[in-house]
PDB file of N, CA and C in Angstrom:
ATOM      1  N   UNK A   1       3.620  19.659   4.130  1.00  0.00           N
ATOM      2  CA  UNK A   1       3.847  18.801   3.132  1.00  0.00           C
ATOM      3  C   UNK A   1       2.614  18.922   1.941  1.00  0.00           C
ATOM      4  N   UNK A   2       2.541  20.203   1.477  1.00  0.00           N
ATOM      5  CA  UNK A   2       1.348  20.288   0.736  1.00  0.00           C
ATOM      6  C   UNK A   2       0.229  20.306   1.672  1.00  0.00           C
ATOM      7  N   UNK A   3      -0.771  19.885   1.030  1.00  0.00           N
ATOM      8  CA  UNK A   3      -2.162  19.486   1.898  1.00  0.00           C
ATOM      9  C   UNK A   3      -2.108  17.757   2.097  1.00  0.00           C
ATOM     10  N   UNK A   4      -1.388  17.469   2.848  1.00  0.00           N
ATOM     11  CA  UNK A   4      -1.333  16.201   3.453  1.00  0.00           C
ATOM     12  C   UNK A   4      -2.511  15.826   4.402  1.00  0.00           C
ATOM     13  N   UNK A   5      -3.087  14.510   3.914  1.00  0.00           N
ATOM     14  CA  UNK A   5      -3.921  14.184   4.919  1.00  0.00           C
ATOM     15  C   UNK A   5      -4.428  12.704   4.820  1.00  0.00           C
ATOM     16  N   UNK A   6      -5.141  12.546   5.695  1.00  0.00           N
ATOM     17  CA  UNK A   6      -5.539  10.870   5.813  1.00  0.00           C
ATOM     18  C   UNK A   6      -6.855  11.071   5.856  1.00  0.00           C
ATOM     19  N   UNK A   7      -7.578   9.972   5.127  1.00  0.00           N
ATOM     20  CA  UNK A   7      -9.017   9.795   5.190  1.00  0.00           C
ATOM     21  C   UNK A   7      -9.372   8.577   5.211  1.00  0.00           C
ATOM     22  N   UNK A   8     -10.429   7.971   6.304  1.00  0.00           N
ATOM     23  CA  UNK A   8     -10.890   6.816   6.338  1.00  0.00           C
ATOM     24  C   UNK A   8     -11.434   6.139   5.122  1.00  0.00           C
ATOM     25  N   UNK A   9     -11.766   4.851   4.948  1.00  0.00           N
ATOM     26  CA  UNK A   9     -12.289   4.241   3.859  1.00  0.00           C
ATOM     27  C   UNK A   9     -13.588   4.897   3.389  1.00  0.00           C
ATOM     28  N   UNK A  10     -14.189   5.425   4.178  1.00  0.00           N
ATOM     29  CA  UNK A  10     -15.566   5.856   3.613  1.00  0.00           C
ATOM     30  C   UNK A  10     -15.389   7.041   2.459  1.00  0.00           C
ATOM     31  N   UNK A  11     -14.333   7.472   2.332  1.00  0.00           N
ATOM     32  CA  UNK A  11     -14.148   8.563   1.240  1.00  0.00           C
ATOM     33  C   UNK A  11     -13.984   8.050  -0.033  1.00  0.00           C
ATOM     34  N   UNK A  12     -13.620   6.658  -0.246  1.00  0.00           N
ATOM     35  CA  UNK A  12     -13.650   5.986  -1.465  1.00  0.00           C
ATOM     36  C   UNK A  12     -14.189   4.588  -1.665  1.00  0.00           C
ATOM     37  N   UNK A  13     -14.900   4.311  -2.459  1.00  0.00           N
ATOM     38  CA  UNK A  13     -15.265   3.101  -2.663  1.00  0.00           C
ATOM     39  C   UNK A  13     -14.326   2.105  -3.407  1.00  0.00           C
ATOM     40  N   UNK A  14     -13.090   2.577  -3.671  1.00  0.00           N
ATOM     41  CA  UNK A  14     -12.162   1.757  -4.299  1.00  0.00           C
ATOM     42  C   UNK A  14     -11.276   1.221  -3.177  1.00  0.00           C
ATOM     43  N   UNK A  15     -11.363   1.816  -1.802  1.00  0.00           N
ATOM     44  CA  UNK A  15     -10.847   1.194  -0.655  1.00  0.00           C
ATOM     45  C   UNK A  15     -11.287   0.221   0.131  1.00  0.00           C
ATOM     46  N   UNK A  16     -10.513  -0.668   0.721  1.00  0.00           N
ATOM     47  CA  UNK A  16     -11.387  -1.771   1.523  1.00  0.00           C
ATOM     48  C   UNK A  16     -11.540  -1.247   2.977  1.00  0.00           C
ATOM     49  N   UNK A  17     -12.474  -1.757   3.533  1.00  0.00           N
ATOM     50  CA  UNK A  17     -12.999  -1.575   4.934  1.00  0.00           C
ATOM     51  C   UNK A  17     -11.691  -1.314   5.560  1.00  0.00           C
ATOM     52  N   UNK A  18     -11.783  -0.247   6.477  1.00  0.00           N
ATOM     53  CA  UNK A  18     -10.669  -0.337   7.358  1.00  0.00           C
ATOM     54  C   UNK A  18      -9.429   0.415   6.791  1.00  0.00           C
ATOM     55  N   UNK A  19      -9.350   0.536   5.499  1.00  0.00           N
ATOM     56  CA  UNK A  19      -8.035   1.179   4.711  1.00  0.00           C
ATOM     57  C   UNK A  19      -8.064   2.647   5.027  1.00  0.00           C
ATOM     58  N   UNK A  20      -6.783   3.169   5.033  1.00  0.00           N
ATOM     59  CA  UNK A  20      -6.559   4.587   5.038  1.00  0.00           C
ATOM     60  C   UNK A  20      -6.262   5.065   3.812  1.00  0.00           C
ATOM     61  N   UNK A  21      -6.275   6.224   3.411  1.00  0.00           N
ATOM     62  CA  UNK A  21      -5.875   6.764   2.099  1.00  0.00           C
ATOM     63  C   UNK A  21      -4.965   7.778   2.660  1.00  0.00           C
ATOM     64  N   UNK A  22      -3.789   7.958   1.987  1.00  0.00           N
ATOM     65  CA  UNK A  22      -3.053   9.166   2.341  1.00  0.00           C
ATOM     66  C   UNK A  22      -2.524   9.746   1.106  1.00  0.00           C
ATOM     67  N   UNK A  23      -2.659  10.899   0.970  1.00  0.00           N
ATOM     68  CA  UNK A  23      -2.546  11.490  -0.209  1.00  0.00           C
ATOM     69  C   UNK A  23      -2.034  13.145  -0.072  1.00  0.00           C
ATOM     70  N   UNK A  24      -1.002  13.393  -0.896  1.00  0.00           N
ATOM     71  CA  UNK A  24      -0.298  14.535  -0.777  1.00  0.00           C
ATOM     72  C   UNK A  24      -0.670  15.286  -2.142  1.00  0.00           C
ATOM     73  N   UNK A  25      -0.878  16.513  -1.955  1.00  0.00           N
ATOM     74  CA  UNK A  25      -1.349  17.275  -3.144  1.00  0.00           C
ATOM     75  C   UNK A  25       0.129  18.203  -3.688  1.00  0.00           C
ATOM     76  N   UNK A  26       0.426  17.834  -4.966  1.00  0.00           N
ATOM     77  CA  UNK A  26       1.741  18.343  -5.381  1.00  0.00           C
ATOM     78  C   UNK A  26       1.364  19.830  -5.703  1.00  0.00           C
ATOM     79  N   UNK A  27       0.468  20.405  -6.028  1.00  0.00           N
ATOM     80  CA  UNK A  27       0.051  21.681  -6.552  1.00  0.00           C
ATOM     81  C   UNK A  27       0.543  22.731  -5.591  1.00  0.00           C
ATOM     82  N   UNK A  28       0.380  22.546  -4.302  1.00  0.00           N
ATOM     83  CA  UNK A  28       0.750  23.709  -3.409  1.00  0.00           C
ATOM     84  C   UNK A  28       2.285  23.674  -3.389  1.00  0.00           C
ATOM     85  N   UNK A  29       2.946  22.509  -3.349  1.00  0.00           N
ATOM     86  CA  UNK A  29       4.322  22.418  -3.225  1.00  0.00           C
ATOM     87  C   UNK A  29       5.068  22.909  -4.505  1.00  0.00           C
ATOM     88  N   UNK A  30       4.497  22.694  -5.838  1.00  0.00           N
ATOM     89  CA  UNK A  30       4.724  23.115  -7.079  1.00  0.00           C
ATOM     90  C   UNK A  30       4.848  24.680  -6.769  1.00  0.00           C
ATOM     91  N   UNK A  31       3.747  25.274  -6.404  1.00  0.00           N
ATOM     92  CA  UNK A  31       3.766  26.787  -6.287  1.00  0.00           C
ATOM     93  C   UNK A  31       4.740  27.388  -5.278  1.00  0.00           C
ATOM     94  N   UNK A  32       5.053  26.726  -4.427  1.00  0.00           N
ATOM     95  CA  UNK A  32       5.788  27.187  -3.314  1.00  0.00           C
ATOM     96  C   UNK A  32       7.386  26.862  -3.972  1.00  0.00           C
ATOM     97  N   UNK A  33       7.507  26.042  -4.469  1.00  0.00           N
ATOM     98  CA  UNK A  33       9.065  25.983  -5.291  1.00  0.00           C
ATOM     99  C   UNK A  33       9.038  26.927  -6.290  1.00  0.00           C
ATOM    100  N   UNK A  34       7.959  27.458  -7.190  1.00  0.00           N
ATOM    101  CA  UNK A  34       8.149  28.358  -7.996  1.00  0.00           C
ATOM    102  C   UNK A  34       8.252  29.747  -7.777  1.00  0.00           C
ATOM    103  N   UNK A  35       7.725  29.991  -6.242  1.00  0.00           N
ATOM    104  CA  UNK A  35       7.477  31.233  -5.578  1.00  0.00           C
ATOM    105  C   UNK A  35       8.159  31.323  -4.315  1.00  0.00           C
ATOM    106  N   UNK A  36       9.570  30.917  -4.205  1.00  0.00           N
ATOM    107  CA  UNK A  36      10.086  30.647  -2.931  1.00  0.00           C
ATOM    108  C   UNK A  36      10.249  31.844  -2.050  1.00  0.00           C
ATOM    109  N   UNK A  37      10.419  32.907  -2.482  1.00  0.00           N
ATOM    110  CA  UNK A  37      10.534  33.898  -1.583  1.00  0.00           C
ATOM    111  C   UNK A  37       9.074  34.222  -1.047  1.00  0.00           C
ATOM    112  N   UNK A  38       8.236  34.392  -1.686  1.00  0.00           N
ATOM    113  CA  UNK A  38       6.879  34.576  -0.983  1.00  0.00           C
ATOM    114  C   UNK A  38       6.589  33.428  -0.306  1.00  0.00           C
ATOM    115  N   UNK A  39       6.527  32.246  -0.571  1.00  0.00           N
ATOM    116  CA  UNK A  39       6.460  31.152   0.499  1.00  0.00           C
ATOM    117  C   UNK A  39       6.925  31.210   1.551  1.00  0.00           C
ATOM    118  N   UNK A  40       8.283  31.489   1.583  1.00  0.00           N
ATOM    119  CA  UNK A  40       8.953  31.818   2.894  1.00  0.00           C
ATOM    120  C   UNK A  40       8.556  32.693   3.390  1.00  0.00           C
ATOM    121  N   UNK A  41       8.280  34.265   2.877  1.00  0.00           N
ATOM    122  CA  UNK A  41       7.680  35.180   3.641  1.00  0.00           C
ATOM    123  C   UNK A  41       6.554  34.757   4.467  1.00  0.00           C
ATOM    124  N   UNK A  42       5.473  33.990   3.852  1.00  0.00           N
ATOM    125  CA  UNK A  42       4.440  33.469   4.427  1.00  0.00           C
ATOM    126  C   UNK A  42       4.620  32.520   5.547  1.00  0.00           C
ATOM    127  N   UNK A  43       5.550  31.421   5.434  1.00  0.00           N
ATOM    128  CA  UNK A  43       5.861  30.608   6.458  1.00  0.00           C
ATOM    129  C   UNK A  43       6.599  31.241   7.501  1.00  0.00           C
ATOM    130  N   UNK A  44       7.204  32.217   7.493  1.00  0.00           N
ATOM    131  CA  UNK A  44       8.045  32.720   8.530  1.00  0.00           C
ATOM    132  C   UNK A  44       6.969  33.672   9.315  1.00  0.00           C
ATOM    133  N   UNK A  45       5.791  33.961   8.940  1.00  0.00           N
ATOM    134  CA  UNK A  45       4.687  34.464   9.607  1.00  0.00           C
ATOM    135  C   UNK A  45       4.230  33.620  10.751  1.00  0.00           C
ATOM    136  N   UNK A  46       4.528  32.087  10.805  1.00  0.00           N
ATOM    137  CA  UNK A  46       4.198  31.427  11.697  1.00  0.00           C
ATOM    138  C   UNK A  46       5.642  30.724  12.411  1.00  0.00           C
ATOM    139  N   UNK A  47       6.610  31.402  12.086  1.00  0.00           N
ATOM    140  CA  UNK A  47       7.953  30.858  12.576  1.00  0.00           C
ATOM    141  C   UNK A  47       8.399  31.015  13.863  1.00  0.00           C
ATOM    142  N   UNK A  48       7.594  32.013  14.743  1.00  0.00           N
ATOM    143  CA  UNK A  48       7.955  32.420  16.127  1.00  0.00           C
ATOM    144  C   UNK A  48       9.376  32.917  16.516  1.00  0.00           C
ATOM    145  N   UNK A  49       9.498  33.633  15.416  1.00  0.00           N
ATOM    146  CA  UNK A  49      10.706  34.458  15.466  1.00  0.00           C
ATOM    147  C   UNK A  49      12.110  33.744  14.862  1.00  0.00           C
ATOM    148  N   UNK A  50      11.670  32.707  13.876  1.00  0.00           N
ATOM    149  CA  UNK A  50      12.921  32.260  13.243  1.00  0.00           C
ATOM    150  C   UNK A  50      13.452  33.431  12.260  1.00  0.00           C
ATOM    151  N   UNK A  51      14.500  33.298  12.120  1.00  0.00           N
ATOM    152  CA  UNK A  51      15.306  34.371  11.132  1.00  0.00           C
ATOM    153  C   UNK A  51      15.266  33.538   9.738  1.00  0.00           C
ATOM    154  N   UNK A  52      15.578  34.707   8.682  1.00  0.00           N
ATOM    155  CA  UNK A  52      15.259  33.935   7.377  1.00  0.00           C
ATOM    156  C   UNK A  52      16.048  32.817   6.803  1.00  0.00           C
ATOM    157  N   UNK A  53      17.420  32.493   7.452  1.00  0.00           N
ATOM    158  CA  UNK A  53      18.205  31.393   7.154  1.00  0.00           C
ATOM    159  C   UNK A  53      17.662  30.197   7.498  1.00  0.00           C
ATOM    160  N   UNK A  54      17.347  30.368   8.987  1.00  0.00           N
ATOM    161  CA  UNK A  54      16.805  28.977   9.497  1.00  0.00           C
ATOM    162  C   UNK A  54      15.489  28.650   9.069  1.00  0.00           C
ATOM    163  N   UNK A  55      14.607  29.619   8.828  1.00  0.00           N
ATOM    164  CA  UNK A  55      13.289  29.532   8.307  1.00  0.00           C
ATOM    165  C   UNK A  55      13.440  28.887   6.808  1.00  0.00           C
ATOM    166  N   UNK A  56      14.226  29.425   6.147  1.00  0.00           N
ATOM    167  CA  UNK A  56      14.298  28.750   4.742  1.00  0.00           C
ATOM    168  C   UNK A  56      14.843  27.139   4.774  1.00  0.00           C
ATOM    169  N   UNK A  57      15.942  26.857   5.756  1.00  0.00           N
ATOM    170  CA  UNK A  57      16.286  25.554   6.336  1.00  0.00           C
ATOM    171  C   UNK A  57      15.145  24.701   6.693  1.00  0.00           C
ATOM    172  N   UNK A  58      14.287  25.112   7.363  1.00  0.00           N
ATOM    173  CA  UNK A  58      12.978  24.417   8.041  1.00  0.00           C
ATOM    174  C   UNK A  58      12.082  24.168   6.780  1.00  0.00           C
ATOM    175  N   UNK A  59      11.868  25.366   6.028  1.00  0.00           N
ATOM    176  CA  UNK A  59      10.788  25.174   4.878  1.00  0.00           C
ATOM    177  C   UNK A  59      11.119  24.194   3.827  1.00  0.00           C
ATOM    178  N   UNK A  60      12.800  24.163   3.562  1.00  0.00           N
ATOM    179  CA  UNK A  60      13.261  23.209   2.515  1.00  0.00           C
ATOM    180  C   UNK A  60      13.168  21.597   3.053  1.00  0.00           C
ATOM    181  N   UNK A  61      13.104  21.442   4.184  1.00  0.00           N
ATOM    182  CA  UNK A  61      12.463  20.138   4.584  1.00  0.00           C
ATOM    183  C   UNK A  61      11.299  19.550   4.201  1.00  0.00           C
ATOM    184  N   UNK A  62      10.233  20.520   4.034  1.00  0.00           N
ATOM    185  CA  UNK A  62       9.011  20.022   3.725  1.00  0.00           C
ATOM    186  C   UNK A  62       8.398  20.670   2.151  1.00  0.00           C
ATOM    187  N   UNK A  63       9.287  21.396   1.641  1.00  0.00           N
ATOM    188  CA  UNK A  63       8.941  21.768   0.146  1.00  0.00           C
ATOM    189  C   UNK A  63      10.244  21.710  -0.498  1.00  0.00           C
ATOM    190  N   UNK A  64      10.046  20.342  -1.134  1.00  0.00           N
ATOM    191  CA  UNK A  64      11.158  20.124  -2.011  1.00  0.00           C
ATOM    192  C   UNK A  64      10.853  19.160  -3.416  1.00  0.00           C
ATOM    193  N   UNK A  65      11.685  18.652  -3.873  1.00  0.00           N
ATOM    194  CA  UNK A  65      11.419  17.594  -5.019  1.00  0.00           C
ATOM    195  C   UNK A  65      10.890  16.275  -4.403  1.00  0.00           C
ATOM    196  N   UNK A  66      11.310  16.019  -3.198  1.00  0.00           N
ATOM    197  CA  UNK A  66      10.711  14.752  -2.603  1.00  0.00           C
ATOM    198  C   UNK A  66       9.650  14.792  -2.172  1.00  0.00           C
ATOM    199  N   UNK A  67       8.858  15.937  -1.678  1.00  0.00           N
ATOM    200  CA  UNK A  67       7.686  16.045  -1.474  1.00  0.00           C
ATOM    201  C   UNK A  67       6.762  16.354  -2.385  1.00  0.00           C
ATOM    202  N   UNK A  68       7.246  16.774  -3.527  1.00  0.00           N
ATOM    203  CA  UNK A  68       6.516  16.633  -4.833  1.00  0.00           C
ATOM    204  C   UNK A  68       6.029  15.315  -5.305  1.00  0.00           C
ATOM    205  N   UNK A  69       7.338  14.413  -5.478  1.00  0.00           N
ATOM    206  CA  UNK A  69       7.075  12.978  -5.998  1.00  0.00           C
ATOM    207  C   UNK A  69       8.298  12.053  -5.230  1.00  0.00           C
ATOM    208  N   UNK A  70       8.032  11.460  -4.104  1.00  0.00           N
ATOM    209  CA  UNK A  70       9.171  10.740  -3.665  1.00  0.00           C
ATOM    210  C   UNK A  70       9.601   9.469  -4.380  1.00  0.00           C
ATOM    211  N   UNK A  71       9.149   9.125  -5.237  1.00  0.00           N
ATOM    212  CA  UNK A  71       9.429   8.144  -6.324  1.00  0.00           C
ATOM    213  C   UNK A  71       9.550   6.714  -5.686  1.00  0.00           C
ATOM    214  N   UNK A  72      10.290   5.795  -6.414  1.00  0.00           N
ATOM    215  CA  UNK A  72      10.483   4.560  -5.932  1.00  0.00           C
ATOM    216  C   UNK A  72      11.137   4.408  -4.311  1.00  0.00           C
ATOM    217  N   UNK A  73      12.166   5.286  -4.370  1.00  0.00           N
ATOM    218  CA  UNK A  73      12.788   5.210  -3.105  1.00  0.00           C
ATOM    219  C   UNK A  73      12.045   5.544  -1.944  1.00  0.00           C
ATOM    220  N   UNK A  74      11.323   6.464  -2.102  1.00  0.00           N
ATOM    221  CA  UNK A  74      10.377   7.162  -0.822  1.00  0.00           C
ATOM    222  C   UNK A  74       9.217   6.089  -0.770  1.00  0.00           C
ATOM    223  N   UNK A  75       8.627   5.218  -1.761  1.00  0.00           N
ATOM    224  CA  UNK A  75       7.802   4.360  -1.587  1.00  0.00           C
ATOM    225  C   UNK A  75       8.254   3.208  -0.716  1.00  0.00           C
ATOM    226  N   UNK A  76       9.368   2.655  -1.077  1.00  0.00           N
ATOM    227  CA  UNK A  76      10.197   1.880  -0.479  1.00  0.00           C
ATOM    228  C   UNK A  76      10.345   2.208   1.119  1.00  0.00           C
ATOM    229  N   UNK A  77      10.513   3.385   1.365  1.00  0.00           N
ATOM    230  CA  UNK A  77      10.881   3.771   2.654  1.00  0.00           C
ATOM    231  C   UNK A  77       9.398   3.963   3.488  1.00  0.00           C
ATOM    232  N   UNK A  78       8.309   4.073   2.838  1.00  0.00           N
ATOM    233  CA  UNK A  78       7.131   4.050   3.363  1.00  0.00           C
ATOM    234  C   UNK A  78       6.728   2.549   4.053  1.00  0.00           C
ATOM    235  N   UNK A  79       6.906   1.897   2.842  1.00  0.00           N
ATOM    236  CA  UNK A  79       6.776   0.242   3.264  1.00  0.00           C
ATOM    237  C   UNK A  79       7.570  -0.133   4.331  1.00  0.00           C
ATOM    238  N   UNK A  80       8.775   0.129   4.282  1.00  0.00           N
ATOM    239  CA  UNK A  80       9.753  -0.332   5.500  1.00  0.00           C
ATOM    240  C   UNK A  80       9.406   0.301   6.850  1.00  0.00           C
ATOM    241  N   UNK A  81       8.737   1.636   6.900  1.00  0.00           N
ATOM    242  CA  UNK A  81       8.224   1.956   8.062  1.00  0.00           C
ATOM    243  C   UNK A  81       7.212   1.222   8.559  1.00  0.00           C
ATOM    244  N   UNK A  82       6.152   1.120   7.833  1.00  0.00           N
ATOM    245  CA  UNK A  82       5.091   0.199   8.004  1.00  0.00           C
ATOM    246  C   UNK A  82       5.552  -1.071   8.515  1.00  0.00           C
ATOM    247  N   UNK A  83       6.302  -1.795   7.952  1.00  0.00           N
ATOM    248  CA  UNK A  83       6.614  -2.977   8.066  1.00  0.00           C
ATOM    249  C   UNK A  83       7.305  -3.008   9.573  1.00  0.00           C
ATOM    250  N   UNK A  84       8.341  -2.160   9.960  1.00  0.00           N
ATOM    251  CA  UNK A  84       9.105  -1.928  11.344  1.00  0.00           C
ATOM    252  C   UNK A  84       7.859  -1.543  12.343  1.00  0.00           C
ATOM    253  N   UNK A  85       6.854  -0.817  12.024  1.00  0.00           N
ATOM    254  CA  UNK A  85       5.901  -0.574  12.926  1.00  0.00           C
ATOM    255  C   UNK A  85       5.001  -1.874  13.059  1.00  0.00           C
ATOM    256  N   UNK A  86       4.752  -2.549  12.172  1.00  0.00           N
ATOM    257  CA  UNK A  86       4.054  -3.945  12.416  1.00  0.00           C
ATOM    258  C   UNK A  86       4.787  -4.931  13.319  1.00  0.00           C
ATOM    259  N   UNK A  87       6.352  -5.006  12.942  1.00  0.00           N
ATOM    260  CA  UNK A  87       7.036  -5.698  13.598  1.00  0.00           C
ATOM    261  C   UNK A  87       7.083  -5.476  15.177  1.00  0.00           C
ATOM    262  N   UNK A  88       6.872  -4.227  15.361  1.00  0.00           N
ATOM    263  CA  UNK A  88       6.895  -3.916  17.162  1.00  0.00           C
ATOM    264  C   UNK A  88       5.362  -3.762  17.565  1.00  0.00           C
ATOM    265  N   UNK A  89       4.474  -4.254  16.735  1.00  0.00           N
ATOM    266  CA  UNK A  89       3.209  -4.308  17.249  1.00  0.00           C
ATOM    267  C   UNK A  89       2.493  -2.907  17.475  1.00  0.00           C
ATOM    268  N   UNK A  90       2.732  -1.978  16.662  1.00  0.00           N
ATOM    269  CA  UNK A  90       2.321  -0.672  16.713  1.00  0.00           C
ATOM    270  C   UNK A  90       0.607  -0.656  16.027  1.00  0.00           C
ATOM    271  N   UNK A  91       0.189  -1.731  15.670  1.00  0.00           N
ATOM    272  CA  UNK A  91      -1.305  -1.623  15.131  1.00  0.00           C
ATOM    273  C   UNK A  91      -1.632  -3.285  14.961  1.00  0.00           C
ATOM    274  N   UNK A  92      -2.835  -3.261  15.093  1.00  0.00           N
ATOM    275  CA  UNK A  92      -3.316  -4.821  14.979  1.00  0.00           C
ATOM    276  C   UNK A  92      -3.420  -5.691  14.017  1.00  0.00           C
ATOM    277  N   UNK A  93      -3.781  -4.977  12.784  1.00  0.00           N
ATOM    278  CA  UNK A  93      -3.586  -5.787  11.497  1.00  0.00           C
ATOM    279  C   UNK A  93      -2.449  -5.183  10.879  1.00  0.00           C
ATOM    280  N   UNK A  94      -2.201  -6.238  10.075  1.00  0.00           N
ATOM    281  CA  UNK A  94      -0.954  -5.558   8.884  1.00  0.00           C
ATOM    282  C   UNK A  94      -1.494  -4.705   7.758  1.00  0.00           C
ATOM    283  N   UNK A  95      -0.710  -3.740   7.415  1.00  0.00           N
ATOM    284  CA  UNK A  95      -1.054  -2.895   6.323  1.00  0.00           C
ATOM    285  C   UNK A  95      -0.603  -2.982   4.930  1.00  0.00           C
ATOM    286  N   UNK A  96      -1.454  -3.051   3.752  1.00  0.00           N
ATOM    287  CA  UNK A  96      -1.365  -3.297   2.588  1.00  0.00           C
ATOM    288  C   UNK A  96      -1.088  -1.727   2.124  1.00  0.00           C
ATOM    289  N   UNK A  97      -0.137  -1.416   1.450  1.00  0.00           N
ATOM    290  CA  UNK A  97       0.094  -0.059   0.835  1.00  0.00           C
ATOM    291  C   UNK A  97      -0.061  -0.064  -0.668  1.00  0.00           C
ATOM    292  N   UNK A  98      -0.733   0.736  -0.885  1.00  0.00           N
ATOM    293  CA  UNK A  98      -1.057   1.066  -2.520  1.00  0.00           C
ATOM    294  C   UNK A  98      -0.754   2.593  -2.796  1.00  0.00           C
ATOM    295  N   UNK A  99       0.012   2.849  -3.644  1.00  0.00           N
ATOM    296  CA  UNK A  99       0.349   3.986  -4.083  1.00  0.00           C
ATOM    297  C   UNK A  99      -0.356   4.574  -5.360  1.00  0.00           C
ATOM    298  N   UNK A 100      -1.237   5.430  -5.344  1.00  0.00           N
ATOM    299  CA  UNK A 100      -2.338   6.149  -6.331  1.00  0.00           C
ATOM    300  C   UNK A 100      -1.336   6.780  -7.201  1.00  0.00           C
ATOM    301  N   UNK A 101      -1.163   6.757  -8.473  1.00  0.00           N
ATOM    302  CA  UNK A 101      -0.371   7.796  -9.404  1.00  0.00           C
ATOM    303  C   UNK A 101      -1.228   8.834  -9.747  1.00  0.00           C
TER     304      UNK A 101
END
């Protein structure tokens, strides 16, 4: 999903101690959508024998309008996922989610 990465709070003074910043870059996804054939050819080099149709389906799961900006529905889904994880004790302290625009 673009260059998706997580960085601990030392990366930004704006984050509270112990916070995690999760950020996806839209530029690589924009480029892949604008140059779909070239992006697919590149991705298939890592596809371990996937044919073009299955490779296109796989790439489409990660290179799409939702991975560019998943909007209010996606933000709600992230909050719900984290709430459920907290409910089952997946982590010690609650998580406060902030989305940077």
